[in-house]
C-alpha atoms as a PDB file:
ATOM      1  CA  MET A   1      42.368 167.245  16.593  1.00  0.00           C
ATOM      2  CA  ASP A   2      45.765 165.977  15.443  1.00  0.00           C
ATOM      3  CA  ASP A   3      45.698 162.181  15.655  1.00  0.00           C
ATOM      4  CA  SER A   4      49.498 162.093  15.505  1.00  0.00           C
ATOM      5  CA  ILE A   5      49.766 163.507  19.040  1.00  0.00           C
ATOM      6  CA  THR A   6      49.748 160.404  21.208  1.00  0.00           C
ATOM      7  CA  PRO A   7      49.605 160.256  25.029  1.00  0.00           C
ATOM      8  CA  SER A   8      53.246 159.129  25.025  1.00  0.00           C
ATOM      9  CA  HIS A   9      54.215 162.118  22.856  1.00  0.00           C
ATOM     10  CA  ASN A  10      52.361 164.479  25.206  1.00  0.00           C
ATOM     11  CA  ARG A  11      54.194 162.956  28.159  1.00  0.00           C
ATOM     12  CA  VAL A  12      57.579 163.584  26.524  1.00  0.00           C
ATOM     13  CA  LEU A  13      56.601 167.199  25.759  1.00  0.00           C
ATOM     14  CA  ALA A  14      55.474 167.736  29.353  1.00  0.00           C
ATOM     15  CA  GLN A  15      58.776 166.376  30.639  1.00  0.00           C
ATOM     16  CA  SER A  16      60.614 168.766  28.330  1.00  0.00           C
ATOM     17  CA  GLY A  17      58.739 171.804  29.646  1.00  0.00           C
ATOM     18  CA  ALA A  18      59.309 170.848  33.265  1.00  0.00           C
ATOM     19  CA  GLY A  19      62.962 170.255  32.463  1.00  0.00           C
ATOM     20  CA  ASN A  20      63.380 173.860  31.333  1.00  0.00           C
ATOM     21  CA  TRP A  21      62.350 175.090  34.780  1.00  0.00           C
ATOM     22  CA  MET A  22      64.619 172.592  36.522  1.00  0.00           C
ATOM     23  CA  PHE A  23      67.550 173.655  34.326  1.00  0.00           C
ATOM     24  CA  LEU A  24      66.957 177.305  35.237  1.00  0.00           C
ATOM     25  CA  LEU A  25      66.862 176.472  38.952  1.00  0.00           C
ATOM     26  CA  GLU A  26      70.100 174.492  38.717  1.00  0.00           C
ATOM     27  CA  ALA A  27      71.741 177.311  36.747  1.00  0.00           C
ATOM     28  CA  ALA A  28      70.794 179.710  39.537  1.00  0.00           C
ATOM     29  CA  ARG A  29      72.248 177.265  42.045  1.00  0.00           C
ATOM     30  CA  ASP A  30      75.554 176.742  40.191  1.00  0.00           C
ATOM     31  CA  ILE A  31      75.973 178.443  36.796  1.00  0.00           C
ATOM     32  CA  ARG A  32      79.613 177.314  36.559  1.00  0.00           C
ATOM     33  CA  THR A  33      78.813 173.594  36.284  1.00  0.00           C
ATOM     34  CA  THR A  34      75.427 174.012  34.583  1.00  0.00           C
ATOM     35  CA  GLY A  35      76.973 176.312  31.983  1.00  0.00           C
ATOM     36  CA  ALA A  36      73.854 178.069  30.640  1.00  0.00           C
ATOM     37  CA  LEU A  37      70.479 179.494  31.626  1.00  0.00           C
ATOM     38  CA  ALA A  38      68.508 177.192  29.317  1.00  0.00           C
ATOM     39  CA  PRO A  39      68.923 173.677  27.917  1.00  0.00           C
ATOM     40  CA  SER A  40      70.009 173.076  24.330  1.00  0.00           C
ATOM     41  CA  GLY A  41      67.395 173.816  21.662  1.00  0.00           C
ATOM     42  CA  ARG A  42      66.226 171.405  18.967  1.00  0.00           C
ATOM     43  CA  ALA A  43      68.591 172.741  16.301  1.00  0.00           C
ATOM     44  CA  LEU A  44      71.613 172.349  18.577  1.00  0.00           C
ATOM     45  CA  ALA A  45      70.490 168.865  19.625  1.00  0.00           C
ATOM     46  CA  HIS A  46      70.167 167.915  15.947  1.00  0.00           C
ATOM     47  CA  ALA A  47      73.700 169.115  15.183  1.00  0.00           C
ATOM     48  CA  LEU A  48      75.201 167.365  18.203  1.00  0.00           C
ATOM     49  CA  THR A  49      73.650 164.013  17.266  1.00  0.00           C
ATOM     50  CA  GLU A  50      75.036 164.039  13.701  1.00  0.00           C
ATOM     51  CA  PRO A  51      77.592 161.268  14.476  1.00  0.00           C
ATOM     52  CA  VAL A  52      74.726 158.859  15.172  1.00  0.00           C
ATOM     53  CA  ARG A  53      73.041 159.616  11.850  1.00  0.00           C
ATOM     54  CA  ALA A  54      76.392 159.396  10.054  1.00  0.00           C
ATOM     55  CA  GLN A  55      76.823 155.816  11.288  1.00  0.00           C
ATOM     56  CA  ALA A  56      73.226 154.663  10.836  1.00  0.00           C
ATOM     57  CA  GLY A  57      72.606 151.128   9.673  1.00  0.00           C
ATOM     58  CA  ARG A  58      74.580 149.276  12.332  1.00  0.00           C
ATOM     59  CA  ARG A  59      74.531 148.833  16.076  1.00  0.00           C
ATOM     60  CA  LEU A  60      76.288 151.644  17.907  1.00  0.00           C
ATOM     61  CA  ASN A  61      77.689 152.235  21.363  1.00  0.00           C
ATOM     62  CA  VAL A  62      76.847 155.866  22.152  1.00  0.00           C
ATOM     63  CA  LEU A  63      77.898 157.983  25.136  1.00  0.00           C
ATOM     64  CA  GLU A  64      76.230 161.254  26.127  1.00  0.00           C
ATOM     65  CA  VAL A  65      78.056 163.334  28.740  1.00  0.00           C
ATOM     66  CA  GLY A  66      76.590 166.288  30.629  1.00  0.00           C
ATOM     67  CA  ALA A  67      73.039 165.447  29.594  1.00  0.00           C
ATOM     68  CA  GLY A  68      71.409 167.928  31.992  1.00  0.00           C
ATOM     69  CA  THR A  69      67.628 167.602  31.927  1.00  0.00           C
ATOM     70  CA  GLY A  70      67.693 165.523  28.740  1.00  0.00           C
ATOM     71  CA  SER A  71      67.038 168.009  25.938  1.00  0.00           C
ATOM     72  CA  VAL A  72      69.606 166.324  23.676  1.00  0.00           C
ATOM     73  CA  THR A  73      68.772 162.873  25.059  1.00  0.00           C
ATOM     74  CA  ARG A  74      65.167 163.176  23.879  1.00  0.00           C
ATOM     75  CA  SER A  75      66.429 163.930  20.360  1.00  0.00           C
ATOM     76  CA  LEU A  76      69.050 161.183  20.502  1.00  0.00           C
ATOM     77  CA  ILE A  77      66.972 158.198  21.643  1.00  0.00           C
ATOM     78  CA  PRO A  78      64.725 157.934  18.538  1.00  0.00           C
ATOM     79  CA  GLN A  79      67.814 158.073  16.286  1.00  0.00           C
ATOM     80  CA  LEU A  80      69.553 155.054  17.820  1.00  0.00           C
ATOM     81  CA  PRO A  81      69.810 152.134  15.378  1.00  0.00           C
ATOM     82  CA  ALA A  82      68.185 148.898  16.538  1.00  0.00           C
ATOM     83  CA  GLY A  83      70.301 147.021  19.058  1.00  0.00           C
ATOM     84  CA  SER A  84      72.391 150.061  20.004  1.00  0.00           C
ATOM     85  CA  ARG A  85      73.443 150.937  23.540  1.00  0.00           C
ATOM     86  CA  LEU A  86      73.307 154.408  25.080  1.00  0.00           C
ATOM     87  CA  ASP A  87      75.216 155.376  28.222  1.00  0.00           C
ATOM     88  CA  ILE A  88      74.271 158.735  29.756  1.00  0.00           C
ATOM     89  CA  VAL A  89      76.675 160.381  32.205  1.00  0.00           C
ATOM     90  CA  GLU A  90      75.625 163.254  34.469  1.00  0.00           C
ATOM     91  CA  ALA A  91      77.320 164.550  37.635  1.00  0.00           C
ATOM     92  CA  ASN A  92      74.364 166.566  38.999  1.00  0.00           C
ATOM     93  CA  PRO A  93      72.245 164.207  41.168  1.00  0.00           C
ATOM     94  CA  ARG A  94      69.005 166.113  40.522  1.00  0.00           C
ATOM     95  CA  PHE A  95      69.553 165.910  36.768  1.00  0.00           C
ATOM     96  CA  THR A  96      70.478 162.230  37.119  1.00  0.00           C
ATOM     97  CA  ASP A  97      67.148 161.432  38.772  1.00  0.00           C
ATOM     98  CA  ARG A  98      65.296 163.182  35.978  1.00  0.00           C
ATOM     99  CA  LEU A  99      67.290 161.365  33.290  1.00  0.00           C
ATOM    100  CA  ARG A 100      66.512 157.988  34.860  1.00  0.00           C
ATOM    101  CA  HIS A 101      62.823 158.870  34.794  1.00  0.00           C
ATOM    102  CA  LEU A 102      63.157 159.872  31.127  1.00  0.00           C
ATOM    103  CA  VAL A 103      64.781 156.541  30.250  1.00  0.00           C
ATOM    104  CA  ARG A 104      62.126 154.564  32.147  1.00  0.00           C
ATOM    105  CA  THR A 105      59.194 156.340  30.505  1.00  0.00           C
ATOM    106  CA  HIS A 106      60.386 157.172  26.971  1.00  0.00           C
ATOM    107  CA  PRO A 107      58.063 155.391  24.504  1.00  0.00           C
ATOM    108  CA  VAL A 108      60.906 154.375  22.166  1.00  0.00           C
ATOM    109  CA  LEU A 109      62.608 152.457  24.997  1.00  0.00           C
ATOM    110  CA  THR A 110      59.486 150.572  26.104  1.00  0.00           C
ATOM    111  CA  GLY A 111      60.238 146.864  26.313  1.00  0.00           C
ATOM    112  CA  GLN A 112      63.991 147.409  25.851  1.00  0.00           C
ATOM    113  CA  PRO A 113      65.462 147.348  29.362  1.00  0.00           C
ATOM    114  CA  GLY A 114      69.163 148.045  29.448  1.00  0.00           C
ATOM    115  CA  GLN A 115      69.391 149.772  26.071  1.00  0.00           C
ATOM    116  CA  ALA A 116      69.908 153.125  27.823  1.00  0.00           C
ATOM    117  CA  ARG A 117      71.666 153.473  31.174  1.00  0.00           C
ATOM    118  CA  VAL A 118      72.196 156.564  33.319  1.00  0.00           C
ATOM    119  CA  HIS A 119      75.409 156.922  35.338  1.00  0.00           C
ATOM    120  CA  HIS A 120      75.805 159.443  38.170  1.00  0.00           C
ATOM    121  CA  ALA A 121      79.505 160.134  37.657  1.00  0.00           C
ATOM    122  CA  TYR A 122      82.193 162.356  36.197  1.00  0.00           C
ATOM    123  CA  VAL A 123      83.303 161.133  32.787  1.00  0.00           C
ATOM    124  CA  GLU A 124      86.956 161.205  33.867  1.00  0.00           C
ATOM    125  CA  GLU A 125      86.055 158.466  36.384  1.00  0.00           C
ATOM    126  CA  LEU A 126      83.815 156.435  34.063  1.00  0.00           C
ATOM    127  CA  ASP A 127      85.025 152.858  33.580  1.00  0.00           C
ATOM    128  CA  ILE A 128      82.451 150.685  31.799  1.00  0.00           C
ATOM    129  CA  GLY A 129      84.870 148.470  29.916  1.00  0.00           C
ATOM    130  CA  HIS A 130      84.046 149.230  26.297  1.00  0.00           C
ATOM    131  CA  ARG A 131      84.573 151.955  23.691  1.00  0.00           C
ATOM    132  CA  TYR A 132      82.110 154.131  21.832  1.00  0.00           C
ATOM    133  CA  ASP A 133      81.278 154.814  18.211  1.00  0.00           C
ATOM    134  CA  ALA A 134      79.971 158.284  19.117  1.00  0.00           C
ATOM    135  CA  ILE A 135      80.334 160.617  22.100  1.00  0.00           C
ATOM    136  CA  ILE A 136      78.043 163.626  22.479  1.00  0.00           C
ATOM    137  CA  SER A 137      79.269 166.175  25.011  1.00  0.00           C
ATOM    138  CA  GLY A 138      77.135 168.833  26.640  1.00  0.00           C
ATOM    139  CA  LEU A 139      79.770 169.917  29.160  1.00  0.00           C
ATOM    140  CA  PRO A 140      80.396 173.677  29.625  1.00  0.00           C
ATOM    141  CA  PHE A 141      84.099 173.698  28.749  1.00  0.00           C
ATOM    142  CA  ALA A 142      84.284 177.501  28.967  1.00  0.00           C
ATOM    143  CA  ASN A 143      83.661 177.193  32.713  1.00  0.00           C
ATOM    144  CA  PHE A 144      86.441 174.660  33.406  1.00  0.00           C
ATOM    145  CA  ASP A 145      90.122 175.205  34.083  1.00  0.00           C
ATOM    146  CA  PRO A 146      92.593 174.002  31.418  1.00  0.00           C
ATOM    147  CA  HIS A 147      93.626 170.898  33.338  1.00  0.00           C
ATOM    148  CA  GLN A 148      89.987 169.804  33.612  1.00  0.00           C
ATOM    149  CA  VAL A 149      89.435 170.433  29.901  1.00  0.00           C
ATOM    150  CA  ASP A 150      92.513 168.410  28.984  1.00  0.00           C
ATOM    151  CA  ALA A 151      91.540 165.545  31.310  1.00  0.00           C
ATOM    152  CA  ILE A 152      88.021 165.386  29.866  1.00  0.00           C
ATOM    153  CA  MET A 153      89.097 165.604  26.226  1.00  0.00           C
ATOM    154  CA  GLY A 154      91.796 163.009  26.794  1.00  0.00           C
ATOM    155  CA  ARG A 155      89.258 160.694  28.405  1.00  0.00           C
ATOM    156  CA  TYR A 156      86.904 161.166  25.454  1.00  0.00           C
ATOM    157  CA  LEU A 157      89.643 160.022  23.072  1.00  0.00           C
ATOM    158  CA  GLU A 158      90.378 157.014  25.277  1.00  0.00           C
ATOM    159  CA  LEU A 159      86.692 156.050  25.276  1.00  0.00           C
ATOM    160  CA  LEU A 160      86.269 156.386  21.503  1.00  0.00           C
ATOM    161  CA  ARG A 161      86.965 153.394  19.299  1.00  0.00           C
ATOM    162  CA  PRO A 162      89.442 154.104  16.453  1.00  0.00           C
ATOM    163  CA  GLY A 163      87.486 156.125  13.909  1.00  0.00           C
ATOM    164  CA  GLY A 164      84.837 157.077  16.482  1.00  0.00           C
ATOM    165  CA  LEU A 165      83.300 160.569  16.467  1.00  0.00           C
ATOM    166  CA  LEU A 166      82.953 163.223  19.183  1.00  0.00           C
ATOM    167  CA  THR A 167      80.756 166.330  19.108  1.00  0.00           C
ATOM    168  CA  TYR A 168      80.720 169.226  21.562  1.00  0.00           C
ATOM    169  CA  PHE A 169      79.587 172.831  21.382  1.00  0.00           C
ATOM    170  CA  ALA A 170      80.690 176.317  22.356  1.00  0.00           C
ATOM    171  CA  TYR A 171      78.449 179.366  22.453  1.00  0.00           C
ATOM    172  CA  CYS A 172      79.217 182.064  19.870  1.00  0.00           C
ATOM    173  CA  GLY A 173      80.215 185.580  20.875  1.00  0.00           C
ATOM    174  CA  THR A 174      80.463 184.920  24.589  1.00  0.00           C
ATOM    175  CA  ARG A 175      84.155 185.801  24.971  1.00  0.00           C
ATOM    176  CA  PRO A 176      83.559 189.616  25.087  1.00  0.00           C
ATOM    177  CA  ALA A 177      80.856 189.162  27.716  1.00  0.00           C
ATOM    178  CA  ARG A 178      83.042 186.853  29.765  1.00  0.00           C
ATOM    179  CA  THR A 179      85.925 189.309  29.481  1.00  0.00           C
ATOM    180  CA  LEU A 180      83.773 192.137  30.827  1.00  0.00           C
ATOM    181  CA  LEU A 181      82.478 189.976  33.662  1.00  0.00           C
ATOM    182  CA  SER A 182      85.974 188.882  34.594  1.00  0.00           C
ATOM    183  CA  LEU A 183      87.685 192.291  34.516  1.00  0.00           C
ATOM    184  CA  ALA A 184      87.863 192.206  38.298  1.00  0.00           C
ATOM    185  CA  SER A 185      89.668 188.857  38.129  1.00  0.00           C
ATOM    186  CA  ARG A 186      92.699 188.685  35.858  1.00  0.00           C
ATOM    187  CA  ALA A 187      93.248 185.106  37.004  1.00  0.00           C
ATOM    188  CA  GLN A 188      89.803 184.089  35.760  1.00  0.00           C
ATOM    189  CA  ALA A 189      90.423 185.730  32.391  1.00  0.00           C
ATOM    190  CA  ARG A 190      93.738 183.863  32.075  1.00  0.00           C
ATOM    191  CA  ARG A 191      92.007 180.603  32.978  1.00  0.00           C
ATOM    192  CA  GLN A 192      89.405 181.096  30.253  1.00  0.00           C
ATOM    193  CA  ARG A 193      92.055 181.834  27.625  1.00  0.00           C
ATOM    194  CA  ALA A 194      94.115 178.814  28.683  1.00  0.00           C
ATOM    195  CA  SER A 195      91.069 176.531  28.477  1.00  0.00           C
ATOM    196  CA  GLU A 196      90.298 177.813  24.982  1.00  0.00           C
ATOM    197  CA  GLU A 197      93.900 177.111  23.957  1.00  0.00           C
ATOM    198  CA  VAL A 198      93.617 173.499  25.142  1.00  0.00           C
ATOM    199  CA  LEU A 199      90.455 173.025  23.086  1.00  0.00           C
ATOM    200  CA  ALA A 200      92.078 174.703  20.083  1.00  0.00           C
ATOM    201  CA  ASP A 201      94.967 172.248  20.261  1.00  0.00           C
ATOM    202  CA  TYR A 202      92.596 169.267  20.231  1.00  0.00           C
ATOM    203  CA  GLN A 203      90.787 170.862  17.302  1.00  0.00           C
ATOM    204  CA  ARG A 204      94.031 171.181  15.339  1.00  0.00           C
ATOM    205  CA  HIS A 205      94.836 167.517  15.899  1.00  0.00           C
ATOM    206  CA  TYR A 206      91.434 165.849  15.619  1.00  0.00           C
ATOM    207  CA  ALA A 207      88.732 168.153  14.199  1.00  0.00           C
ATOM    208  CA  THR A 208      86.869 167.025  11.087  1.00  0.00           C
ATOM    209  CA  GLY A 209      84.355 169.867  10.923  1.00  0.00           C
ATOM    210  CA  ARG A 210      82.562 172.758  12.599  1.00  0.00           C
ATOM    211  CA  SER A 211      79.030 174.050  12.055  1.00  0.00           C
ATOM    212  CA  ALA A 212      77.173 177.123  13.303  1.00  0.00           C
ATOM    213  CA  VAL A 213      73.741 176.740  14.901  1.00  0.00           C
ATOM    214  CA  TRP A 214      72.214 180.205  14.693  1.00  0.00           C
ATOM    215  CA  ALA A 215      68.743 178.966  15.676  1.00  0.00           C
ATOM    216  CA  ASN A 216      69.932 178.168  19.203  1.00  0.00           C
ATOM    217  CA  LEU A 217      69.739 180.703  22.038  1.00  0.00           C
ATOM    218  CA  PRO A 218      72.495 181.710  22.338  1.00  0.00           C
ATOM    219  CA  PRO A 219      73.905 180.662  18.933  1.00  0.00           C
ATOM    220  CA  ALA A 220      76.569 177.988  19.118  1.00  0.00           C
ATOM    221  CA  HIS A 221      79.342 176.330  17.167  1.00  0.00           C
ATOM    222  CA  VAL A 222      79.342 172.528  17.099  1.00  0.00           C
ATOM    223  CA  TRP A 223      82.727 170.867  16.696  1.00  0.00           C
ATOM    224  CA  GLN A 224      83.194 167.313  15.427  1.00  0.00           C
ATOM    225  CA  LEU A 225      86.405 165.458  16.270  1.00  0.00           C
ATOM    226  CA  GLN A 226      87.499 161.954  15.298  1.00  0.00           C
ATOM    227  CA  ARG A 227      89.859 159.539  16.956  1.00  0.00           C
ATOM    228  CA  PRO A 228      92.401 158.411  14.338  1.00  0.00           C
ATOM    229  CA  ALA A 229      91.945 154.912  12.965  1.00  0.00           C
ATOM    230  CA  GLU A 230      95.584 154.120  13.709  1.00  0.00           C
ATOM    231  CA  ARG A 231      98.221 155.633  15.970  1.00  0.00           C
ATOM    232  CA  GLY A 232     101.958 155.658  15.639  1.00  0.00           C
ATOM    233  CA  PRO A 233     104.197 153.944  18.224  1.00  0.00           C
ATOM    234  CA  GLY A 234     104.376 155.814  21.493  1.00  0.00           C
ATOM    235  CA  ALA A 235     101.437 158.137  20.822  1.00  0.00           C
ATOM    236  CA  SER A 236      98.997 158.642  23.668  1.00  0.00           C
ATOM    237  CA  PRO A 237      95.355 159.788  23.466  1.00  0.00           C
ATOM    238  CA  THR A 238      96.062 162.767  25.705  1.00  0.00           C
ATOM    239  CA  SER A 239      99.207 164.001  23.993  1.00  0.00           C
ATOM    240  CA  ALA A 240      97.406 166.775  22.109  1.00  0.00           C
ATOM    241  CA  GLY A 241      96.769 168.930  25.120  1.00  0.00           C
ATOM    242  CA  ALA A 242      99.657 167.906  27.323  1.00  0.00           C
ATOM    243  CA  ALA A 243     102.003 170.702  26.264  1.00  0.00           C
ATOM    244  CA  ILE A 244      99.444 173.440  26.856  1.00  0.00           C
ATOM    245  CA  ALA A 245      97.950 172.043  30.027  1.00  0.00           C
ATOM    246  CA  GLY A 246     101.279 171.387  31.656  1.00  0.00           C
END
C-alpha cells in the first residue's frame, strides 16, 4: 500500500474522473462553446500554469477563464503562493457548480475561505475591481468569431497589471480538419481565418513565447503574452486587434 495516497488525494482523483464524463456530455451538448471532447491533460495544464511558477515567492492575483470541469484548476491550486487569490470564471452553469464543489473540497484550500472564488460569468463582463499578475485562459478561441476574440483578448489585457502574464492554447493541426468540416460553409471558413488573424495580431504585439505540448490529446501550442510595463500616450489595451476586427 502506498502511504502517500491520502483520502483527500483519492477524492481529488475521483472528482477528476467524473469530470471527464461531464466534459464529454457538455461537448455533445454544445461543442462550439466547450471546444473539445476531453479536458486538458496534465502536460497542458502544467504549461498553462507557467506564469504562476515564474512569479513564485510573492502573493499573486490569478484569474482562470474557461475552467470547464477543473482539470487545469486542480493543477493550479497547489502552485499558488501563500496569500494569493484565485478567481475562476466559467460561463457554463453545470461546470460552475462543479468548480464550486472543487473549491469547497480541495485539501489545499481547507481553512482558507475566500482564497479561491468561482464566478458564473463571461470574462468580458467581469468587473471585480482589481488586476491580475497571471491570467490562464482555457477558452476555445477557434470556435469564436473575430469580434468575440478581440473583445476577450482586449479584456484580458485590461485585467492584467503592467507586466502581467497571459497564457492560452490552440490545438495543433486542427485547421485542415476544420477546413474539411466547413467546406459546406464558406462563411464559417472565413470566420475561422479572421479569428486566427486577430490572435496573430495580438501575438505580434504581446507574445513572449510559445511552447508545444505533444503529450496532450490532441497536441497543443501554448502561447504566453505579456502586458507591457508602460504604455505610450493614447495607447489602448485593445488597439492590437482593432484594425483586423473592425
